[in-house]
Amino acid sequence: MFEISFDSRALKDLQTIPRQSALLLSKVLAIMEGNPFAPELRVKKLEDPLVGYRVRKGDYRILFEVVGKKVFVYAIRHRKDAYR
């Protein structure tokens, strides 16, 4: 089991997401608790200058890092703003 922690920016991002999309993202986060690299998530490593990994779900991206048994989510954004 992995522990998921959120950056304050990620929590703020999550509050601005429409309810339907937020429910889908919560299911993804539940899967990430068990294994952040589960095959059904299709996790991709981010390229320089960005650090960490990303998961796509609909029009939203979850950007995160894994350190030991902790998953640190630092952004949850719409695809048009995710990599800026």
PDB file of N, CA and C in Angstrom:
ATOM      1  N   MET A   1       0.842  -1.182   0.000  1.00  0.00           N
ATOM      2  CA  MET A   1       0.000   0.000   0.000  1.00  0.00           C
ATOM      3  C   MET A   1       0.891   1.251   0.000  1.00  0.00           C
ATOM      4  N   PHE A   2       0.550   2.196  -0.833  1.00  0.00           N
ATOM      5  CA  PHE A   2       1.270   3.460  -0.920  1.00  0.00           C
ATOM      6  C   PHE A   2       0.455   4.547  -0.221  1.00  0.00           C
ATOM      7  N   GLU A   3       1.138   5.494   0.373  1.00  0.00           N
ATOM      8  CA  GLU A   3       0.489   6.634   0.996  1.00  0.00           C
ATOM      9  C   GLU A   3       0.477   7.776  -0.013  1.00  0.00           C
ATOM     10  N   ILE A   4      -0.687   8.357  -0.244  1.00  0.00           N
ATOM     11  CA  ILE A   4      -0.801   9.473  -1.191  1.00  0.00           C
ATOM     12  C   ILE A   4      -0.874  10.770  -0.406  1.00  0.00           C
ATOM     13  N   SER A   5       0.004  11.708  -0.768  1.00  0.00           N
ATOM     14  CA  SER A   5      -0.051  13.038  -0.160  1.00  0.00           C
ATOM     15  C   SER A   5      -0.164  14.067  -1.285  1.00  0.00           C
ATOM     16  N   PHE A   6      -0.840  15.153  -0.963  1.00  0.00           N
ATOM     17  CA  PHE A   6      -1.126  16.182  -1.957  1.00  0.00           C
ATOM     18  C   PHE A   6      -0.421  17.483  -1.609  1.00  0.00           C
ATOM     19  N   ASP A   7       0.113  18.128  -2.613  1.00  0.00           N
ATOM     20  CA  ASP A   7       0.610  19.489  -2.480  1.00  0.00           C
ATOM     21  C   ASP A   7      -0.608  20.402  -2.335  1.00  0.00           C
ATOM     22  N   SER A   8      -0.441  21.530  -1.695  1.00  0.00           N
ATOM     23  CA  SER A   8      -1.571  22.446  -1.525  1.00  0.00           C
ATOM     24  C   SER A   8      -2.125  22.896  -2.875  1.00  0.00           C
ATOM     25  N   ARG A   9      -1.252  23.011  -3.874  1.00  0.00           N
ATOM     26  CA  ARG A   9      -1.686  23.398  -5.228  1.00  0.00           C
ATOM     27  C   ARG A   9      -2.571  22.314  -5.845  1.00  0.00           C
ATOM     28  N   ALA A  10      -2.224  21.055  -5.617  1.00  0.00           N
ATOM     29  CA  ALA A  10      -3.020  19.951  -6.161  1.00  0.00           C
ATOM     30  C   ALA A  10      -4.409  19.913  -5.529  1.00  0.00           C
ATOM     31  N   LEU A  11      -4.491  20.187  -4.230  1.00  0.00           N
ATOM     32  CA  LEU A  11      -5.802  20.233  -3.575  1.00  0.00           C
ATOM     33  C   LEU A  11      -6.653  21.366  -4.127  1.00  0.00           C
ATOM     34  N   LYS A  12      -6.016  22.489  -4.393  1.00  0.00           N
ATOM     35  CA  LYS A  12      -6.730  23.633  -4.975  1.00  0.00           C
ATOM     36  C   LYS A  12      -7.206  23.288  -6.389  1.00  0.00           C
ATOM     37  N   ASP A  13      -6.354  22.608  -7.164  1.00  0.00           N
ATOM     38  CA  ASP A  13      -6.730  22.173  -8.509  1.00  0.00           C
ATOM     39  C   ASP A  13      -7.940  21.248  -8.451  1.00  0.00           C
ATOM     40  N   LEU A  14      -7.927  20.333  -7.496  1.00  0.00           N
ATOM     41  CA  LEU A  14      -9.001  19.348  -7.372  1.00  0.00           C
ATOM     42  C   LEU A  14     -10.342  20.005  -7.062  1.00  0.00           C
ATOM     43  N   GLN A  15     -10.322  21.088  -6.321  1.00  0.00           N
ATOM     44  CA  GLN A  15     -11.559  21.787  -5.978  1.00  0.00           C
ATOM     45  C   GLN A  15     -12.178  22.504  -7.176  1.00  0.00           C
ATOM     46  N   THR A  16     -11.378  22.832  -8.186  1.00  0.00           N
ATOM     47  CA  THR A  16     -11.896  23.565  -9.341  1.00  0.00           C
ATOM     48  C   THR A  16     -12.403  22.637 -10.455  1.00  0.00           C
ATOM     49  N   ILE A  17     -12.158  21.339 -10.313  1.00  0.00           N
ATOM     50  CA  ILE A  17     -12.542  20.370 -11.337  1.00  0.00           C
ATOM     51  C   ILE A  17     -14.029  20.047 -11.211  1.00  0.00           C
ATOM     52  N   PRO A  18     -14.749  19.937 -12.343  1.00  0.00           N
ATOM     53  CA  PRO A  18     -16.163  19.560 -12.284  1.00  0.00           C
ATOM     54  C   PRO A  18     -16.363  18.222 -11.560  1.00  0.00           C
ATOM     55  N   ARG A  19     -17.485  18.092 -10.895  1.00  0.00           N
ATOM     56  CA  ARG A  19     -17.773  16.938 -10.044  1.00  0.00           C
ATOM     57  C   ARG A  19     -17.610  15.599 -10.764  1.00  0.00           C
ATOM     58  N   GLN A  20     -18.118  15.486 -11.964  1.00  0.00           N
ATOM     59  CA  GLN A  20     -18.050  14.224 -12.717  1.00  0.00           C
ATOM     60  C   GLN A  20     -16.594  13.806 -12.957  1.00  0.00           C
ATOM     61  N   SER A  21     -15.771  14.744 -13.356  1.00  0.00           N
ATOM     62  CA  SER A  21     -14.356  14.446 -13.591  1.00  0.00           C
ATOM     63  C   SER A  21     -13.630  14.150 -12.282  1.00  0.00           C
ATOM     64  N   ALA A  22     -13.998  14.839 -11.215  1.00  0.00           N
ATOM     65  CA  ALA A  22     -13.375  14.611  -9.914  1.00  0.00           C
ATOM     66  C   ALA A  22     -13.664  13.193  -9.420  1.00  0.00           C
ATOM     67  N   LEU A  23     -14.850  12.674  -9.698  1.00  0.00           N
ATOM     68  CA  LEU A  23     -15.180  11.301  -9.306  1.00  0.00           C
ATOM     69  C   LEU A  23     -14.308  10.295 -10.063  1.00  0.00           C
ATOM     70  N   LEU A  24     -14.090  10.541 -11.345  1.00  0.00           N
ATOM     71  CA  LEU A  24     -13.214   9.661 -12.129  1.00  0.00           C
ATOM     72  C   LEU A  24     -11.779   9.722 -11.608  1.00  0.00           C
ATOM     73  N   LEU A  25     -11.325  10.913 -11.268  1.00  0.00           N
ATOM     74  CA  LEU A  25      -9.965  11.074 -10.754  1.00  0.00           C
ATOM     75  C   LEU A  25      -9.804  10.402  -9.393  1.00  0.00           C
ATOM     76  N   SER A  26     -10.860  10.409  -8.580  1.00  0.00           N
ATOM     77  CA  SER A  26     -10.768   9.744  -7.277  1.00  0.00           C
ATOM     78  C   SER A  26     -10.611   8.238  -7.440  1.00  0.00           C
ATOM     79  N   LYS A  27     -11.211   7.662  -8.475  1.00  0.00           N
ATOM     80  CA  LYS A  27     -11.035   6.239  -8.753  1.00  0.00           C
ATOM     81  C   LYS A  27      -9.587   5.940  -9.150  1.00  0.00           C
ATOM     82  N   VAL A  28      -9.000   6.836  -9.935  1.00  0.00           N
ATOM     83  CA  VAL A  28      -7.596   6.682 -10.332  1.00  0.00           C
ATOM     84  C   VAL A  28      -6.697   6.757  -9.108  1.00  0.00           C
ATOM     85  N   LEU A  29      -6.972   7.693  -8.221  1.00  0.00           N
ATOM     86  CA  LEU A  29      -6.172   7.837  -7.008  1.00  0.00           C
ATOM     87  C   LEU A  29      -6.294   6.606  -6.110  1.00  0.00           C
ATOM     88  N   ALA A  30      -7.470   5.981  -6.091  1.00  0.00           N
ATOM     89  CA  ALA A  30      -7.655   4.756  -5.311  1.00  0.00           C
ATOM     90  C   ALA A  30      -6.793   3.624  -5.873  1.00  0.00           C
ATOM     91  N   ILE A  31      -6.697   3.535  -7.183  1.00  0.00           N
ATOM     92  CA  ILE A  31      -5.837   2.526  -7.810  1.00  0.00           C
ATOM     93  C   ILE A  31      -4.376   2.822  -7.487  1.00  0.00           C
ATOM     94  N   MET A  32      -4.015   4.105  -7.510  1.00  0.00           N
ATOM     95  CA  MET A  32      -2.637   4.505  -7.230  1.00  0.00           C
ATOM     96  C   MET A  32      -2.219   4.159  -5.805  1.00  0.00           C
ATOM     97  N   GLU A  33      -3.169   4.099  -4.874  1.00  0.00           N
ATOM     98  CA  GLU A  33      -2.851   3.703  -3.496  1.00  0.00           C
ATOM     99  C   GLU A  33      -2.313   2.276  -3.448  1.00  0.00           C
ATOM    100  N   GLY A  34      -2.872   1.422  -4.275  1.00  0.00           N
ATOM    101  CA  GLY A  34      -2.415   0.036  -4.324  1.00  0.00           C
ATOM    102  C   GLY A  34      -1.116  -0.111  -5.093  1.00  0.00           C
ATOM    103  N   ASN A  35      -1.031   0.534  -6.250  1.00  0.00           N
ATOM    104  CA  ASN A  35       0.172   0.479  -7.088  1.00  0.00           C
ATOM    105  C   ASN A  35       0.145   1.679  -8.033  1.00  0.00           C
ATOM    106  N   PRO A  36       1.036   2.668  -7.829  1.00  0.00           N
ATOM    107  CA  PRO A  36       1.008   3.844  -8.685  1.00  0.00           C
ATOM    108  C   PRO A  36       1.431   3.558 -10.129  1.00  0.00           C
ATOM    109  N   PHE A  37       1.991   2.383 -10.370  1.00  0.00           N
ATOM    110  CA  PHE A  37       2.411   2.020 -11.719  1.00  0.00           C
ATOM    111  C   PHE A  37       1.581   0.865 -12.275  1.00  0.00           C
ATOM    112  N   ALA A  38       0.327   0.741 -11.832  1.00  0.00           N
ATOM    113  CA  ALA A  38      -0.565  -0.307 -12.317  1.00  0.00           C
ATOM    114  C   ALA A  38      -0.728  -0.175 -13.834  1.00  0.00           C
ATOM    115  N   PRO A  39      -0.734  -1.306 -14.547  1.00  0.00           N
ATOM    116  CA  PRO A  39      -0.807  -1.262 -16.018  1.00  0.00           C
ATOM    117  C   PRO A  39      -2.022  -0.506 -16.561  1.00  0.00           C
ATOM    118  N   GLU A  40      -3.155  -0.582 -15.874  1.00  0.00           N
ATOM    119  CA  GLU A  40      -4.357   0.088 -16.383  1.00  0.00           C
ATOM    120  C   GLU A  40      -4.259   1.613 -16.306  1.00  0.00           C
ATOM    121  N   LEU A  41      -3.313   2.138 -15.539  1.00  0.00           N
ATOM    122  CA  LEU A  41      -3.130   3.590 -15.446  1.00  0.00           C
ATOM    123  C   LEU A  41      -2.311   4.155 -16.596  1.00  0.00           C
ATOM    124  N   ARG A  42      -1.528   3.323 -17.254  1.00  0.00           N
ATOM    125  CA  ARG A  42      -0.655   3.740 -18.355  1.00  0.00           C
ATOM    126  C   ARG A  42       0.173   4.976 -17.965  1.00  0.00           C
ATOM    127  N   VAL A  43       0.944   4.822 -16.916  1.00  0.00           N
ATOM    128  CA  VAL A  43       1.780   5.896 -16.377  1.00  0.00           C
ATOM    129  C   VAL A  43       2.931   6.181 -17.333  1.00  0.00           C
ATOM    130  N   LYS A  44       3.219   7.458 -17.544  1.00  0.00           N
ATOM    131  CA  LYS A  44       4.347   7.872 -18.386  1.00  0.00           C
ATOM    132  C   LYS A  44       5.285   8.737 -17.564  1.00  0.00           C
ATOM    133  N   LYS A  45       6.575   8.568 -17.793  1.00  0.00           N
ATOM    134  CA  LYS A  45       7.574   9.405 -17.144  1.00  0.00           C
ATOM    135  C   LYS A  45       7.628  10.739 -17.879  1.00  0.00           C
ATOM    136  N   LEU A  46       7.687  11.825 -17.122  1.00  0.00           N
ATOM    137  CA  LEU A  46       7.761  13.149 -17.718  1.00  0.00           C
ATOM    138  C   LEU A  46       9.183  13.436 -18.181  1.00  0.00           C
ATOM    139  N   GLU A  47       9.288  14.212 -19.245  1.00  0.00           N
ATOM    140  CA  GLU A  47      10.600  14.574 -19.783  1.00  0.00           C
ATOM    141  C   GLU A  47      11.075  15.883 -19.173  1.00  0.00           C
ATOM    142  N   ASP A  48      12.395  16.102 -19.236  1.00  0.00           N
ATOM    143  CA  ASP A  48      12.983  17.341 -18.724  1.00  0.00           C
ATOM    144  C   ASP A  48      12.311  18.537 -19.370  1.00  0.00           C
ATOM    145  N   PRO A  49      12.063  19.589 -18.687  1.00  0.00           N
ATOM    146  CA  PRO A  49      12.476  19.970 -17.344  1.00  0.00           C
ATOM    147  C   PRO A  49      11.514  19.504 -16.257  1.00  0.00           C
ATOM    148  N   LEU A  50      10.426  18.814 -16.609  1.00  0.00           N
ATOM    149  CA  LEU A  50       9.466  18.341 -15.616  1.00  0.00           C
ATOM    150  C   LEU A  50      10.007  17.108 -14.904  1.00  0.00           C
ATOM    151  N   VAL A  51       9.553  16.909 -13.680  1.00  0.00           N
ATOM    152  CA  VAL A  51      10.020  15.798 -12.857  1.00  0.00           C
ATOM    153  C   VAL A  51       8.840  14.913 -12.488  1.00  0.00           C
ATOM    154  N   GLY A  52       9.035  13.603 -12.502  1.00  0.00           N
ATOM    155  CA  GLY A  52       8.014  12.688 -12.035  1.00  0.00           C
ATOM    156  C   GLY A  52       7.297  11.963 -13.156  1.00  0.00           C
ATOM    157  N   TYR A  53       6.014  11.688 -12.913  1.00  0.00           N
ATOM    158  CA  TYR A  53       5.196  10.879 -13.809  1.00  0.00           C
ATOM    159  C   TYR A  53       3.850  11.555 -14.005  1.00  0.00           C
ATOM    160  N   ARG A  54       3.102  11.051 -14.998  1.00  0.00           N
ATOM    161  CA  ARG A  54       1.751  11.556 -15.212  1.00  0.00           C
ATOM    162  C   ARG A  54       0.804  10.418 -15.533  1.00  0.00           C
ATOM    163  N   VAL A  55      -0.456  10.627 -15.138  1.00  0.00           N
ATOM    164  CA  VAL A  55      -1.550   9.715 -15.467  1.00  0.00           C
ATOM    165  C   VAL A  55      -2.606  10.553 -16.168  1.00  0.00           C
ATOM    166  N   ARG A  56      -3.112  10.045 -17.292  1.00  0.00           N
ATOM    167  CA  ARG A  56      -4.187  10.731 -18.017  1.00  0.00           C
ATOM    168  C   ARG A  56      -5.519  10.105 -17.641  1.00  0.00           C
ATOM    169  N   LYS A  57      -6.518  10.932 -17.418  1.00  0.00           N
ATOM    170  CA  LYS A  57      -7.881  10.453 -17.231  1.00  0.00           C
ATOM    171  C   LYS A  57      -8.798  11.492 -17.836  1.00  0.00           C
ATOM    172  N   GLY A  58      -9.351  11.168 -18.980  1.00  0.00           N
ATOM    173  CA  GLY A  58     -10.197  12.129 -19.679  1.00  0.00           C
ATOM    174  C   GLY A  58      -9.377  13.335 -20.093  1.00  0.00           C
ATOM    175  N   ASP A  59      -9.869  14.518 -19.767  1.00  0.00           N
ATOM    176  CA  ASP A  59      -9.178  15.760 -20.109  1.00  0.00           C
ATOM    177  C   ASP A  59      -8.226  16.226 -19.011  1.00  0.00           C
ATOM    178  N   TYR A  60      -8.040  15.418 -17.977  1.00  0.00           N
ATOM    179  CA  TYR A  60      -7.215  15.830 -16.847  1.00  0.00           C
ATOM    180  C   TYR A  60      -5.970  14.974 -16.706  1.00  0.00           C
ATOM    181  N   ARG A  61      -4.938  15.588 -16.096  1.00  0.00           N
ATOM    182  CA  ARG A  61      -3.665  14.919 -15.871  1.00  0.00           C
ATOM    183  C   ARG A  61      -3.311  15.004 -14.393  1.00  0.00           C
ATOM    184  N   ILE A  62      -2.878  13.885 -13.829  1.00  0.00           N
ATOM    185  CA  ILE A  62      -2.376  13.852 -12.466  1.00  0.00           C
ATOM    186  C   ILE A  62      -0.861  13.764 -12.570  1.00  0.00           C
ATOM    187  N   LEU A  63      -0.163  14.760 -12.051  1.00  0.00           N
ATOM    188  CA  LEU A  63       1.293  14.792 -12.082  1.00  0.00           C
ATOM    189  C   LEU A  63       1.796  14.442 -10.687  1.00  0.00           C
ATOM    190  N   PHE A  64       2.703  13.466 -10.613  1.00  0.00           N
ATOM    191  CA  PHE A  64       3.132  12.986  -9.301  1.00  0.00           C
ATOM    192  C   PHE A  64       4.565  12.465  -9.321  1.00  0.00           C
ATOM    193  N   GLU A  65       5.102  12.293  -8.109  1.00  0.00           N
ATOM    194  CA  GLU A  65       6.409  11.687  -7.902  1.00  0.00           C
ATOM    195  C   GLU A  65       6.232  10.544  -6.906  1.00  0.00           C
ATOM    196  N   VAL A  66       7.109   9.552  -6.981  1.00  0.00           N
ATOM    197  CA  VAL A  66       7.085   8.441  -6.037  1.00  0.00           C
ATOM    198  C   VAL A  66       8.418   8.415  -5.307  1.00  0.00           C
ATOM    199  N   VAL A  67       8.345   8.449  -3.975  1.00  0.00           N
ATOM    200  CA  VAL A  67       9.535   8.366  -3.130  1.00  0.00           C
ATOM    201  C   VAL A  67       9.277   7.280  -2.093  1.00  0.00           C
ATOM    202  N   GLY A  68       9.951   6.161  -2.253  1.00  0.00           N
ATOM    203  CA  GLY A  68       9.727   5.041  -1.338  1.00  0.00           C
ATOM    204  C   GLY A  68       8.308   4.530  -1.473  1.00  0.00           C
ATOM    205  N   LYS A  69       7.566   4.563  -0.388  1.00  0.00           N
ATOM    206  CA  LYS A  69       6.170   4.118  -0.384  1.00  0.00           C
ATOM    207  C   LYS A  69       5.201   5.294  -0.345  1.00  0.00           C
ATOM    208  N   LYS A  70       5.674   6.478  -0.751  1.00  0.00           N
ATOM    209  CA  LYS A  70       4.831   7.671  -0.783  1.00  0.00           C
ATOM    210  C   LYS A  70       4.646   8.149  -2.212  1.00  0.00           C
ATOM    211  N   VAL A  71       3.418   8.493  -2.542  1.00  0.00           N
ATOM    212  CA  VAL A  71       3.097   9.113  -3.824  1.00  0.00           C
ATOM    213  C   VAL A  71       2.765  10.565  -3.515  1.00  0.00           C
ATOM    214  N   PHE A  72       3.542  11.477  -4.088  1.00  0.00           N
ATOM    215  CA  PHE A  72       3.349  12.899  -3.859  1.00  0.00           C
ATOM    216  C   PHE A  72       2.714  13.510  -5.102  1.00  0.00           C
ATOM    217  N   VAL A  73       1.432  13.857  -5.020  1.00  0.00           N
ATOM    218  CA  VAL A  73       0.704  14.473  -6.139  1.00  0.00           C
ATOM    219  C   VAL A  73       0.927  15.978  -6.059  1.00  0.00           C
ATOM    220  N   TYR A  74       1.562  16.544  -7.096  1.00  0.00           N
ATOM    221  CA  TYR A  74       1.828  17.974  -7.048  1.00  0.00           C
ATOM    222  C   TYR A  74       0.974  18.790  -7.998  1.00  0.00           C
ATOM    223  N   ALA A  75       0.197  18.164  -8.868  1.00  0.00           N
ATOM    224  CA  ALA A  75      -0.726  18.918  -9.725  1.00  0.00           C
ATOM    225  C   ALA A  75      -1.794  17.996 -10.291  1.00  0.00           C
ATOM    226  N   ILE A  76      -3.003  18.528 -10.410  1.00  0.00           N
ATOM    227  CA  ILE A  76      -4.112  17.862 -11.101  1.00  0.00           C
ATOM    228  C   ILE A  76      -4.723  18.943 -11.976  1.00  0.00           C
ATOM    229  N   ARG A  77      -4.445  18.867 -13.269  1.00  0.00           N
ATOM    230  CA  ARG A  77      -4.840  19.969 -14.151  1.00  0.00           C
ATOM    231  C   ARG A  77      -5.456  19.477 -15.449  1.00  0.00           C
ATOM    232  N   HIS A  78      -6.162  20.400 -16.099  1.00  0.00           N
ATOM    233  CA  HIS A  78      -6.701  20.145 -17.427  1.00  0.00           C
ATOM    234  C   HIS A  78      -5.528  19.969 -18.379  1.00  0.00           C
ATOM    235  N   ARG A  79      -5.719  19.165 -19.395  1.00  0.00           N
ATOM    236  CA  ARG A  79      -4.614  18.835 -20.304  1.00  0.00           C
ATOM    237  C   ARG A  79      -3.988  20.051 -20.976  1.00  0.00           C
ATOM    238  N   LYS A  80      -4.762  21.104 -21.205  1.00  0.00           N
ATOM    239  CA  LYS A  80      -4.209  22.282 -21.877  1.00  0.00           C
ATOM    240  C   LYS A  80      -3.254  23.070 -20.965  1.00  0.00           C
ATOM    241  N   ASP A  81      -3.377  22.884 -19.643  1.00  0.00           N
ATOM    242  CA  ASP A  81      -2.542  23.623 -18.687  1.00  0.00           C
ATOM    243  C   ASP A  81      -1.541  22.749 -17.937  1.00  0.00           C
ATOM    244  N   ALA A  82      -1.600  21.452 -18.121  1.00  0.00           N
ATOM    245  CA  ALA A  82      -0.849  20.526 -17.268  1.00  0.00           C
ATOM    246  C   ALA A  82       0.655  20.681 -17.339  1.00  0.00           C
ATOM    247  N   TYR A  83       1.198  20.965 -18.497  1.00  0.00           N
ATOM    248  CA  TYR A  83       2.644  20.932 -18.650  1.00  0.00           C
ATOM    249  C   TYR A  83       3.287  22.319 -18.726  1.00  0.00           C
ATOM    250  N   ARG A  84       2.546  23.329 -18.358  1.00  0.00           N
ATOM    251  CA  ARG A  84       3.053  24.702 -18.396  1.00  0.00           C
ATOM    252  C   ARG A  84       3.753  25.056 -17.114  1.00  0.00           C
TER     253      ARG A  84
END
